[in-house]
Full PDB file with SEQRES, HELIX, SHEET, SSBOND, CRYST1, ORIGX, SCALE, CONECT and MASTER records, all heavy atoms in Angstrom:
SEQRES   1 A   41  MET PRO LEU LEU SER SER LEU GLN ALA ARG ALA ALA SER          
SEQRES   2 A   41  ASP PRO ASP ALA PRO VAL ARG ILE GLY TYR LEU PRO ILE          
SEQRES   3 A   41  THR ASP ALA THR PRO LEU LEU VAL ALA HIS ASN ASN GLY          
SEQRES   4 A   41  LEU PHE                                                      
HELIX    1 AA1 PRO A    2  SER A   13  1                                  12    
HELIX    2 AA2 THR A   27  ALA A   29  5                                   3    
HELIX    3 AA3 THR A   30  ASN A   37  1                                   8    
CRYST1    1.000    1.000    1.000  90.00  90.00  90.00 P 1           1          
ORIGX1      1.000000  0.000000  0.000000        0.00000                         
ORIGX2      0.000000  1.000000  0.000000        0.00000                         
ORIGX3      0.000000  0.000000  1.000000        0.00000                         
SCALE1      1.000000  0.000000  0.000000        0.00000                         
SCALE2      0.000000  1.000000  0.000000        0.00000                         
SCALE3      0.000000  0.000000  1.000000        0.00000                         
ATOM      1  N   MET A   1      89.933  73.476  75.907  1.00  0.00           N  
ATOM      2  CA  MET A   1      90.306  73.351  74.564  1.00  0.00           C  
ATOM      3  C   MET A   1      90.140  74.470  73.674  1.00  0.00           C  
ATOM      4  O   MET A   1      91.072  74.865  72.998  1.00  0.00           O  
ATOM      5  CB  MET A   1      89.653  72.072  73.931  1.00  0.00           C  
ATOM      6  CG  MET A   1      90.150  71.640  72.508  1.00  0.00           C  
ATOM      7  SD  MET A   1      91.870  71.064  72.720  1.00  0.00           S  
ATOM      8  CE  MET A   1      91.587  69.491  73.593  1.00  0.00           C  
ATOM      9  N   PRO A   2      88.918  75.131  73.639  1.00  0.00           N  
ATOM     10  CA  PRO A   2      88.782  76.396  72.860  1.00  0.00           C  
ATOM     11  C   PRO A   2      89.797  77.433  73.229  1.00  0.00           C  
ATOM     12  O   PRO A   2      90.358  78.104  72.316  1.00  0.00           O  
ATOM     13  CB  PRO A   2      87.321  76.772  73.034  1.00  0.00           C  
ATOM     14  CG  PRO A   2      86.682  75.515  73.600  1.00  0.00           C  
ATOM     15  CD  PRO A   2      87.686  74.868  74.310  1.00  0.00           C  
ATOM     16  N   LEU A   3      89.982  77.676  74.509  1.00  0.00           N  
ATOM     17  CA  LEU A   3      90.872  78.697  74.957  1.00  0.00           C  
ATOM     18  C   LEU A   3      92.390  78.398  74.581  1.00  0.00           C  
ATOM     19  O   LEU A   3      93.122  79.250  74.204  1.00  0.00           O  
ATOM     20  CB  LEU A   3      90.829  78.885  76.447  1.00  0.00           C  
ATOM     21  CG  LEU A   3      89.464  79.424  76.873  1.00  0.00           C  
ATOM     22  CD1 LEU A   3      89.433  79.554  78.475  1.00  0.00           C  
ATOM     23  CD2 LEU A   3      89.084  80.781  76.268  1.00  0.00           C  
ATOM     24  N   LEU A   4      92.701  77.064  74.702  1.00  0.00           N  
ATOM     25  CA  LEU A   4      94.062  76.630  74.367  1.00  0.00           C  
ATOM     26  C   LEU A   4      94.283  76.818  72.817  1.00  0.00           C  
ATOM     27  O   LEU A   4      95.404  77.141  72.420  1.00  0.00           O  
ATOM     28  CB  LEU A   4      94.295  75.239  74.768  1.00  0.00           C  
ATOM     29  CG  LEU A   4      94.397  74.962  76.280  1.00  0.00           C  
ATOM     30  CD1 LEU A   4      94.440  73.477  76.560  1.00  0.00           C  
ATOM     31  CD2 LEU A   4      95.533  75.692  76.866  1.00  0.00           C  
ATOM     32  N   SER A   5      93.285  76.644  72.008  1.00  0.00           N  
ATOM     33  CA  SER A   5      93.340  76.953  70.577  1.00  0.00           C  
ATOM     34  C   SER A   5      93.644  78.350  70.344  1.00  0.00           C  
ATOM     35  O   SER A   5      94.442  78.694  69.466  1.00  0.00           O  
ATOM     36  CB  SER A   5      92.079  76.452  69.884  1.00  0.00           C  
ATOM     37  OG  SER A   5      91.809  75.010  69.946  1.00  0.00           O  
ATOM     38  N   SER A   6      93.004  79.190  71.092  1.00  0.00           N  
ATOM     39  CA  SER A   6      93.232  80.636  70.990  1.00  0.00           C  
ATOM     40  C   SER A   6      94.619  80.994  71.416  1.00  0.00           C  
ATOM     41  O   SER A   6      95.358  81.800  70.802  1.00  0.00           O  
ATOM     42  CB  SER A   6      92.219  81.456  71.827  1.00  0.00           C  
ATOM     43  OG  SER A   6      92.556  82.831  71.943  1.00  0.00           O  
ATOM     44  N   LEU A   7      95.104  80.320  72.492  1.00  0.00           N  
ATOM     45  CA  LEU A   7      96.530  80.543  72.948  1.00  0.00           C  
ATOM     46  C   LEU A   7      97.488  80.118  71.929  1.00  0.00           C  
ATOM     47  O   LEU A   7      98.444  80.923  71.509  1.00  0.00           O  
ATOM     48  CB  LEU A   7      96.666  79.634  74.117  1.00  0.00           C  
ATOM     49  CG  LEU A   7      98.244  79.543  74.713  1.00  0.00           C  
ATOM     50  CD1 LEU A   7      98.666  80.972  75.081  1.00  0.00           C  
ATOM     51  CD2 LEU A   7      98.257  78.595  75.828  1.00  0.00           C  
ATOM     52  N   GLN A   8      97.293  79.053  71.123  1.00  0.00           N  
ATOM     53  CA  GLN A   8      98.189  78.565  70.089  1.00  0.00           C  
ATOM     54  C   GLN A   8      98.146  79.579  68.935  1.00  0.00           C  
ATOM     55  O   GLN A   8      99.268  79.871  68.348  1.00  0.00           O  
ATOM     56  CB  GLN A   8      97.761  77.161  69.608  1.00  0.00           C  
ATOM     57  CG  GLN A   8      98.046  76.061  70.705  1.00  0.00           C  
ATOM     58  CD  GLN A   8      97.415  74.858  70.246  1.00  0.00           C  
ATOM     59  OE1 GLN A   8      96.640  74.682  69.320  1.00  0.00           O  
ATOM     60  NE2 GLN A   8      97.533  73.789  71.139  1.00  0.00           N  
ATOM     61  N   ALA A   9      96.994  80.076  68.615  1.00  0.00           N  
ATOM     62  CA  ALA A   9      96.904  80.995  67.462  1.00  0.00           C  
ATOM     63  C   ALA A   9      97.563  82.380  67.846  1.00  0.00           C  
ATOM     64  O   ALA A   9      98.363  82.896  66.983  1.00  0.00           O  
ATOM     65  CB  ALA A   9      95.456  81.334  67.190  1.00  0.00           C  
ATOM     66  N   ARG A  10      97.463  82.794  69.062  1.00  0.00           N  
ATOM     67  CA  ARG A  10      98.144  84.058  69.555  1.00  0.00           C  
ATOM     68  C   ARG A  10      99.584  83.918  69.419  1.00  0.00           C  
ATOM     69  O   ARG A  10     100.368  84.771  69.079  1.00  0.00           O  
ATOM     70  CB  ARG A  10      97.653  84.432  70.902  1.00  0.00           C  
ATOM     71  CG  ARG A  10      96.302  85.067  70.964  1.00  0.00           C  
ATOM     72  CD  ARG A  10      95.896  85.353  72.453  1.00  0.00           C  
ATOM     73  NE  ARG A  10      94.554  85.841  72.550  1.00  0.00           N  
ATOM     74  CZ  ARG A  10      94.335  87.172  72.605  1.00  0.00           C  
ATOM     75  NH1 ARG A  10      95.338  88.104  72.479  1.00  0.00           N  
ATOM     76  NH2 ARG A  10      93.083  87.645  72.682  1.00  0.00           N  
ATOM     77  N   ALA A  11     100.151  82.688  70.023  1.00  0.00           N  
ATOM     78  CA  ALA A  11     101.545  82.462  70.047  1.00  0.00           C  
ATOM     79  C   ALA A  11     102.095  82.396  68.592  1.00  0.00           C  
ATOM     80  O   ALA A  11     103.198  82.855  68.361  1.00  0.00           O  
ATOM     81  CB  ALA A  11     101.792  81.159  70.682  1.00  0.00           C  
ATOM     82  N   ALA A  12     101.297  81.932  67.674  1.00  0.00           N  
ATOM     83  CA  ALA A  12     101.981  81.769  66.287  1.00  0.00           C  
ATOM     84  C   ALA A  12     101.828  83.189  65.590  1.00  0.00           C  
ATOM     85  O   ALA A  12     102.841  83.481  64.874  1.00  0.00           O  
ATOM     86  CB  ALA A  12     100.984  80.792  65.415  1.00  0.00           C  
ATOM     87  N   SER A  13     100.882  83.992  65.877  1.00  0.00           N  
ATOM     88  CA  SER A  13     100.660  85.285  65.209  1.00  0.00           C  
ATOM     89  C   SER A  13     101.605  86.408  65.939  1.00  0.00           C  
ATOM     90  O   SER A  13     101.841  87.395  65.225  1.00  0.00           O  
ATOM     91  CB  SER A  13      99.266  85.702  65.241  1.00  0.00           C  
ATOM     92  OG  SER A  13      98.791  85.955  66.572  1.00  0.00           O  
ATOM     93  N   ASP A  14     101.926  86.186  67.121  1.00  0.00           N  
ATOM     94  CA  ASP A  14     102.715  87.179  67.846  1.00  0.00           C  
ATOM     95  C   ASP A  14     103.906  86.488  68.731  1.00  0.00           C  
ATOM     96  O   ASP A  14     103.822  86.467  69.884  1.00  0.00           O  
ATOM     97  CB  ASP A  14     101.748  87.961  68.851  1.00  0.00           C  
ATOM     98  CG  ASP A  14     102.368  89.199  69.405  1.00  0.00           C  
ATOM     99  OD1 ASP A  14     103.489  89.566  68.930  1.00  0.00           O  
ATOM    100  OD2 ASP A  14     101.695  89.829  70.285  1.00  0.00           O  
ATOM    101  N   PRO A  15     104.806  85.979  67.997  1.00  0.00           N  
ATOM    102  CA  PRO A  15     105.889  85.219  68.677  1.00  0.00           C  
ATOM    103  C   PRO A  15     106.807  86.055  69.578  1.00  0.00           C  
ATOM    104  O   PRO A  15     107.487  85.525  70.444  1.00  0.00           O  
ATOM    105  CB  PRO A  15     106.664  84.606  67.519  1.00  0.00           C  
ATOM    106  CG  PRO A  15     106.426  85.480  66.343  1.00  0.00           C  
ATOM    107  CD  PRO A  15     105.017  85.979  66.448  1.00  0.00           C  
ATOM    108  N   ASP A  16     106.755  87.425  69.399  1.00  0.00           N  
ATOM    109  CA  ASP A  16     107.524  88.384  70.159  1.00  0.00           C  
ATOM    110  C   ASP A  16     106.710  89.156  71.064  1.00  0.00           C  
ATOM    111  O   ASP A  16     106.929  90.331  71.299  1.00  0.00           O  
ATOM    112  CB  ASP A  16     108.504  89.157  69.252  1.00  0.00           C  
ATOM    113  CG  ASP A  16     109.356  88.337  68.406  1.00  0.00           C  
ATOM    114  OD1 ASP A  16     110.092  87.465  68.917  1.00  0.00           O  
ATOM    115  OD2 ASP A  16     109.485  88.676  67.160  1.00  0.00           O  
ATOM    116  N   ALA A  17     105.639  88.604  71.599  1.00  0.00           N  
ATOM    117  CA  ALA A  17     104.679  89.303  72.417  1.00  0.00           C  
ATOM    118  C   ALA A  17     105.382  89.967  73.615  1.00  0.00           C  
ATOM    119  O   ALA A  17     106.374  89.351  74.272  1.00  0.00           O  
ATOM    120  CB  ALA A  17     103.628  88.398  72.909  1.00  0.00           C  
ATOM    121  N   PRO A  18     104.989  91.114  74.079  1.00  0.00           N  
ATOM    122  CA  PRO A  18     105.522  91.786  75.247  1.00  0.00           C  
ATOM    123  C   PRO A  18     105.045  91.058  76.451  1.00  0.00           C  
ATOM    124  O   PRO A  18     104.249  90.287  76.453  1.00  0.00           O  
ATOM    125  CB  PRO A  18     105.151  93.165  75.152  1.00  0.00           C  
ATOM    126  CG  PRO A  18     103.792  93.092  74.353  1.00  0.00           C  
ATOM    127  CD  PRO A  18     104.026  91.971  73.409  1.00  0.00           C  
ATOM    128  N   VAL A  19     105.643  91.542  77.634  1.00  0.00           N  
ATOM    129  CA  VAL A  19     105.047  91.027  78.975  1.00  0.00           C  
ATOM    130  C   VAL A  19     103.716  91.588  79.066  1.00  0.00           C  
ATOM    131  O   VAL A  19     103.432  92.758  79.027  1.00  0.00           O  
ATOM    132  CB  VAL A  19     105.997  91.467  80.106  1.00  0.00           C  
ATOM    133  CG1 VAL A  19     105.344  91.069  81.400  1.00  0.00           C  
ATOM    134  CG2 VAL A  19     107.447  90.816  79.872  1.00  0.00           C  
ATOM    135  N   ARG A  20     102.757  90.657  79.297  1.00  0.00           N  
ATOM    136  CA  ARG A  20     101.426  91.063  79.570  1.00  0.00           C  
ATOM    137  C   ARG A  20     100.982  90.407  80.859  1.00  0.00           C  
ATOM    138  O   ARG A  20     100.703  89.236  80.900  1.00  0.00           O  
ATOM    139  CB  ARG A  20     100.429  90.600  78.373  1.00  0.00           C  
ATOM    140  CG  ARG A  20     100.742  91.334  77.058  1.00  0.00           C  
ATOM    141  CD  ARG A  20      99.887  90.806  75.905  1.00  0.00           C  
ATOM    142  NE  ARG A  20     100.133  91.602  74.685  1.00  0.00           N  
ATOM    143  CZ  ARG A  20     100.254  91.133  73.542  1.00  0.00           C  
ATOM    144  NH1 ARG A  20     100.229  89.792  73.351  1.00  0.00           N  
ATOM    145  NH2 ARG A  20     100.527  91.860  72.437  1.00  0.00           N  
ATOM    146  N   ILE A  21     100.871  91.201  81.910  1.00  0.00           N  
ATOM    147  CA  ILE A  21     100.507  90.713  83.196  1.00  0.00           C  
ATOM    148  C   ILE A  21      99.057  90.777  83.456  1.00  0.00           C  
ATOM    149  O   ILE A  21      98.382  91.792  83.195  1.00  0.00           O  
ATOM    150  CB  ILE A  21     101.264  91.525  84.320  1.00  0.00           C  
ATOM    151  CG1 ILE A  21     102.826  91.351  84.171  1.00  0.00           C  
ATOM    152  CG2 ILE A  21     100.842  91.233  85.689  1.00  0.00           C  
ATOM    153  CD1 ILE A  21     103.579  92.350  84.864  1.00  0.00           C  
ATOM    154  N   GLY A  22      98.514  89.732  84.070  1.00  0.00           N  
ATOM    155  CA  GLY A  22      97.179  89.748  84.620  1.00  0.00           C  
ATOM    156  C   GLY A  22      97.274  89.658  86.154  1.00  0.00           C  
ATOM    157  O   GLY A  22      98.004  88.751  86.624  1.00  0.00           O  
ATOM    158  N   TYR A  23      96.369  90.487  86.853  1.00  0.00           N  
ATOM    159  CA  TYR A  23      96.504  90.361  88.328  1.00  0.00           C  
ATOM    160  C   TYR A  23      95.200  90.750  89.071  1.00  0.00           C  
ATOM    161  O   TYR A  23      94.291  91.352  88.380  1.00  0.00           O  
ATOM    162  CB  TYR A  23      97.619  91.338  88.761  1.00  0.00           C  
ATOM    163  CG  TYR A  23      97.231  92.795  88.730  1.00  0.00           C  
ATOM    164  CD1 TYR A  23      96.888  93.433  89.854  1.00  0.00           C  
ATOM    165  CD2 TYR A  23      97.299  93.458  87.390  1.00  0.00           C  
ATOM    166  CE1 TYR A  23      96.519  94.881  89.796  1.00  0.00           C  
ATOM    167  CE2 TYR A  23      97.031  94.919  87.434  1.00  0.00           C  
ATOM    168  CZ  TYR A  23      96.562  95.483  88.614  1.00  0.00           C  
ATOM    169  OH  TYR A  23      96.237  96.888  88.572  1.00  0.00           O  
ATOM    170  N   LEU A  24      95.107  90.299  90.241  1.00  0.00           N  
ATOM    171  CA  LEU A  24      94.024  90.784  91.109  1.00  0.00           C  
ATOM    172  C   LEU A  24      94.524  91.858  92.063  1.00  0.00           C  
ATOM    173  O   LEU A  24      95.789  91.936  92.303  1.00  0.00           O  
ATOM    174  CB  LEU A  24      93.531  89.621  91.992  1.00  0.00           C  
ATOM    175  CG  LEU A  24      92.757  88.477  91.311  1.00  0.00           C  
ATOM    176  CD1 LEU A  24      92.251  87.520  92.361  1.00  0.00           C  
ATOM    177  CD2 LEU A  24      91.634  88.980  90.354  1.00  0.00           C  
ATOM    178  N   PRO A  25      93.623  92.684  92.608  1.00  0.00           N  
ATOM    179  CA  PRO A  25      94.154  93.769  93.459  1.00  0.00           C  
ATOM    180  C   PRO A  25      94.427  93.345  94.877  1.00  0.00           C  
ATOM    181  O   PRO A  25      93.889  93.811  95.845  1.00  0.00           O  
ATOM    182  CB  PRO A  25      92.982  94.765  93.347  1.00  0.00           C  
ATOM    183  CG  PRO A  25      91.816  93.903  93.252  1.00  0.00           C  
ATOM    184  CD  PRO A  25      92.259  92.829  92.395  1.00  0.00           C  
ATOM    185  N   ILE A  26      95.428  92.465  94.994  1.00  0.00           N  
ATOM    186  CA  ILE A  26      95.830  92.046  96.301  1.00  0.00           C  
ATOM    187  C   ILE A  26      97.387  92.059  96.369  1.00  0.00           C  
ATOM    188  O   ILE A  26      98.074  92.249  95.340  1.00  0.00           O  
ATOM    189  CB  ILE A  26      95.314  90.554  96.514  1.00  0.00           C  
ATOM    190  CG1 ILE A  26      95.865  89.648  95.398  1.00  0.00           C  
ATOM    191  CG2 ILE A  26      93.873  90.459  96.659  1.00  0.00           C  
ATOM    192  CD1 ILE A  26      95.447  88.187  95.449  1.00  0.00           C  
ATOM    193  N   THR A  27      97.871  92.017  97.604  1.00  0.00           N  
ATOM    194  CA  THR A  27      99.346  92.286  97.707  1.00  0.00           C  
ATOM    195  C   THR A  27     100.157  91.142  97.077  1.00  0.00           C  
ATOM    196  O   THR A  27     101.342  91.260  96.916  1.00  0.00           O  
ATOM    197  CB  THR A  27      99.669  92.506  99.202  1.00  0.00           C  
ATOM    198  OG1 THR A  27      99.104  91.387  99.994  1.00  0.00           O  
ATOM    199  CG2 THR A  27      99.162  93.841  99.699  1.00  0.00           C  
ATOM    200  N   ASP A  28      99.526  90.014  96.812  1.00  0.00           N  
ATOM    201  CA  ASP A  28     100.259  88.888  96.197  1.00  0.00           C  
ATOM    202  C   ASP A  28     100.849  89.356  94.887  1.00  0.00           C  
ATOM    203  O   ASP A  28     101.784  88.768  94.421  1.00  0.00           O  
ATOM    204  CB  ASP A  28      99.190  87.827  95.836  1.00  0.00           C  
ATOM    205  CG  ASP A  28      98.515  87.160  97.094  1.00  0.00           C  
ATOM    206  OD1 ASP A  28      98.502  87.877  98.094  1.00  0.00           O  
ATOM    207  OD2 ASP A  28      98.114  85.967  97.006  1.00  0.00           O  
ATOM    208  N   ALA A  29     100.189  90.288  94.279  1.00  0.00           N  
ATOM    209  CA  ALA A  29     100.677  90.766  92.962  1.00  0.00           C  
ATOM    210  C   ALA A  29     101.779  91.818  93.025  1.00  0.00           C  
ATOM    211  O   ALA A  29     102.359  92.201  91.993  1.00  0.00           O  
ATOM    212  CB  ALA A  29      99.557  91.523  92.207  1.00  0.00           C  
ATOM    213  N   THR A  30     102.300  92.082  94.227  1.00  0.00           N  
ATOM    214  CA  THR A  30     103.278  93.156  94.412  1.00  0.00           C  
ATOM    215  C   THR A  30     104.553  93.021  93.514  1.00  0.00           C  
ATOM    216  O   THR A  30     104.848  94.034  92.869  1.00  0.00           O  
ATOM    217  CB  THR A  30     103.747  93.166  95.875  1.00  0.00           C  
ATOM    218  OG1 THR A  30     102.616  93.483  96.701  1.00  0.00           O  
ATOM    219  CG2 THR A  30     104.912  94.179  96.111  1.00  0.00           C  
ATOM    220  N   PRO A  31     105.243  91.836  93.467  1.00  0.00           N  
ATOM    221  CA  PRO A  31     106.448  91.926  92.585  1.00  0.00           C  
ATOM    222  C   PRO A  31     106.193  92.189  91.105  1.00  0.00           C  
ATOM    223  O   PRO A  31     106.955  92.876  90.501  1.00  0.00           O  
ATOM    224  CB  PRO A  31     106.967  90.421  92.833  1.00  0.00           C  
ATOM    225  CG  PRO A  31     106.453  90.096  94.124  1.00  0.00           C  
ATOM    226  CD  PRO A  31     105.012  90.670  94.148  1.00  0.00           C  
ATOM    227  N   LEU A  32     105.091  91.685  90.563  1.00  0.00           N  
ATOM    228  CA  LEU A  32     104.690  91.925  89.149  1.00  0.00           C  
ATOM    229  C   LEU A  32     104.507  93.393  88.948  1.00  0.00           C  
ATOM    230  O   LEU A  32     104.880  93.950  87.961  1.00  0.00           O  
ATOM    231  CB  LEU A  32     103.483  91.123  88.741  1.00  0.00           C  
ATOM    232  CG  LEU A  32     103.637  89.561  88.966  1.00  0.00           C  
ATOM    233  CD1 LEU A  32     102.344  88.943  88.410  1.00  0.00           C  
ATOM    234  CD2 LEU A  32     104.787  89.080  88.367  1.00  0.00           C  
ATOM    235  N   LEU A  33     103.767  94.117  89.871  1.00  0.00           N  
ATOM    236  CA  LEU A  33     103.408  95.532  89.662  1.00  0.00           C  
ATOM    237  C   LEU A  33     104.625  96.424  90.000  1.00  0.00           C  
ATOM    238  O   LEU A  33     104.859  97.404  89.298  1.00  0.00           O  
ATOM    239  CB  LEU A  33     102.289  95.835  90.622  1.00  0.00           C  
ATOM    240  CG  LEU A  33     101.066  95.077  90.394  1.00  0.00           C  
ATOM    241  CD1 LEU A  33      99.966  95.373  91.435  1.00  0.00           C  
ATOM    242  CD2 LEU A  33     100.569  95.160  89.017  1.00  0.00           C  
ATOM    243  N   VAL A  34     105.509  96.042  90.948  1.00  0.00           N  
ATOM    244  CA  VAL A  34     106.646  96.769  91.204  1.00  0.00           C  
ATOM    245  C   VAL A  34     107.626  96.692  89.957  1.00  0.00           C  
ATOM    246  O   VAL A  34     108.333  97.704  89.570  1.00  0.00           O  
ATOM    247  CB  VAL A  34     107.392  96.280  92.445  1.00  0.00           C  
ATOM    248  CG1 VAL A  34     108.828  96.755  92.541  1.00  0.00           C  
ATOM    249  CG2 VAL A  34     106.695  96.707  93.686  1.00  0.00           C  
ATOM    250  N   ALA A  35     107.772  95.535  89.434  1.00  0.00           N  
ATOM    251  CA  ALA A  35     108.657  95.363  88.190  1.00  0.00           C  
ATOM    252  C   ALA A  35     108.093  96.229  87.104  1.00  0.00           C  
ATOM    253  O   ALA A  35     108.944  96.815  86.349  1.00  0.00           O  
ATOM    254  CB  ALA A  35     108.666  93.880  87.785  1.00  0.00           C  
ATOM    255  N   HIS A  36     106.760  96.325  86.916  1.00  0.00           N  
ATOM    256  CA  HIS A  36     106.281  97.246  85.909  1.00  0.00           C  
ATOM    257  C   HIS A  36     106.548  98.622  86.221  1.00  0.00           C  
ATOM    258  O   HIS A  36     107.100  99.437  85.389  1.00  0.00           O  
ATOM    259  CB  HIS A  36     104.798  96.925  85.685  1.00  0.00           C  
ATOM    260  CG  HIS A  36     104.133  97.926  84.700  1.00  0.00           C  
ATOM    261  ND1 HIS A  36     103.405  98.976  85.106  1.00  0.00           N  
ATOM    262  CD2 HIS A  36     104.117  97.909  83.338  1.00  0.00           C  
ATOM    263  CE1 HIS A  36     102.976  99.716  84.024  1.00  0.00           C  
ATOM    264  NE2 HIS A  36     103.435  99.023  82.996  1.00  0.00           N  
ATOM    265  N   ASN A  37     106.248  99.027  87.421  1.00  0.00           N  
ATOM    266  CA  ASN A  37     106.249 100.430  87.824  1.00  0.00           C  
ATOM    267  C   ASN A  37     107.762 100.905  87.799  1.00  0.00           C  
ATOM    268  O   ASN A  37     107.906 102.147  87.329  1.00  0.00           O  
ATOM    269  CB  ASN A  37     105.755 100.643  89.268  1.00  0.00           C  
ATOM    270  CG  ASN A  37     105.747 102.094  89.693  1.00  0.00           C  
ATOM    271  OD1 ASN A  37     104.764 102.874  89.465  1.00  0.00           O  
ATOM    272  ND2 ASN A  37     106.778 102.441  90.451  1.00  0.00           N  
ATOM    273  N   ASN A  38     108.638 100.107  88.195  1.00  0.00           N  
ATOM    274  CA  ASN A  38     110.055 100.585  88.285  1.00  0.00           C  
ATOM    275  C   ASN A  38     110.832 100.312  87.011  1.00  0.00           C  
ATOM    276  O   ASN A  38     112.089 100.566  86.969  1.00  0.00           O  
ATOM    277  CB  ASN A  38     110.750  99.742  89.448  1.00  0.00           C  
ATOM    278  CG  ASN A  38     110.250 100.238  90.828  1.00  0.00           C  
ATOM    279  OD1 ASN A  38     109.346 101.060  90.892  1.00  0.00           O  
ATOM    280  ND2 ASN A  38     110.844  99.682  91.819  1.00  0.00           N  
ATOM    281  N   GLY A  39     110.097  99.935  85.934  1.00  0.00           N  
ATOM    282  CA  GLY A  39     110.787  99.796  84.633  1.00  0.00           C  
ATOM    283  C   GLY A  39     111.831  98.645  84.632  1.00  0.00           C  
ATOM    284  O   GLY A  39     112.755  98.665  83.859  1.00  0.00           O  
ATOM    285  N   LEU A  40     111.616  97.553  85.444  1.00  0.00           N  
ATOM    286  CA  LEU A  40     112.614  96.527  85.528  1.00  0.00           C  
ATOM    287  C   LEU A  40     112.566  95.622  84.313  1.00  0.00           C  
ATOM    288  O   LEU A  40     113.551  95.054  83.945  1.00  0.00           O  
ATOM    289  CB  LEU A  40     112.365  95.748  86.788  1.00  0.00           C  
ATOM    290  CG  LEU A  40     112.566  96.520  88.083  1.00  0.00           C  
ATOM    291  CD1 LEU A  40     112.307  95.625  89.322  1.00  0.00           C  
ATOM    292  CD2 LEU A  40     113.954  97.030  88.191  1.00  0.00           C  
ATOM    293  N   PHE A  41     111.430  95.552  83.641  1.00  0.00           N  
ATOM    294  CA  PHE A  41     111.306  94.641  82.410  1.00  0.00           C  
ATOM    295  C   PHE A  41     112.071  95.416  81.252  1.00  0.00           C  
ATOM    296  O   PHE A  41     112.900  94.791  80.611  1.00  0.00           O  
ATOM    297  CB  PHE A  41     109.877  94.407  82.031  1.00  0.00           C  
ATOM    298  CG  PHE A  41     109.099  93.538  82.966  1.00  0.00           C  
ATOM    299  CD1 PHE A  41     107.958  94.111  83.575  1.00  0.00           C  
ATOM    300  CD2 PHE A  41     109.400  92.312  83.174  1.00  0.00           C  
ATOM    301  CE1 PHE A  41     107.233  93.459  84.467  1.00  0.00           C  
ATOM    302  CE2 PHE A  41     108.636  91.566  84.098  1.00  0.00           C  
ATOM    303  CZ  PHE A  41     107.614  92.183  84.795  1.00  0.00           C  
TER     304      PHE A  41                                                      
MASTER        0    0    0    3    0    0    0    6  303    1    0    4          
END                                                                             
């Protein structure tokens, strides 16, 4: 609940937020990191 309250506040204050990726250093993250590195966003 407290974190979801923070989520709602962030969404209201920054409705046009950029892509913000969170990841672990495993190959599972490959597409997200490739998209960032290659400027696909």
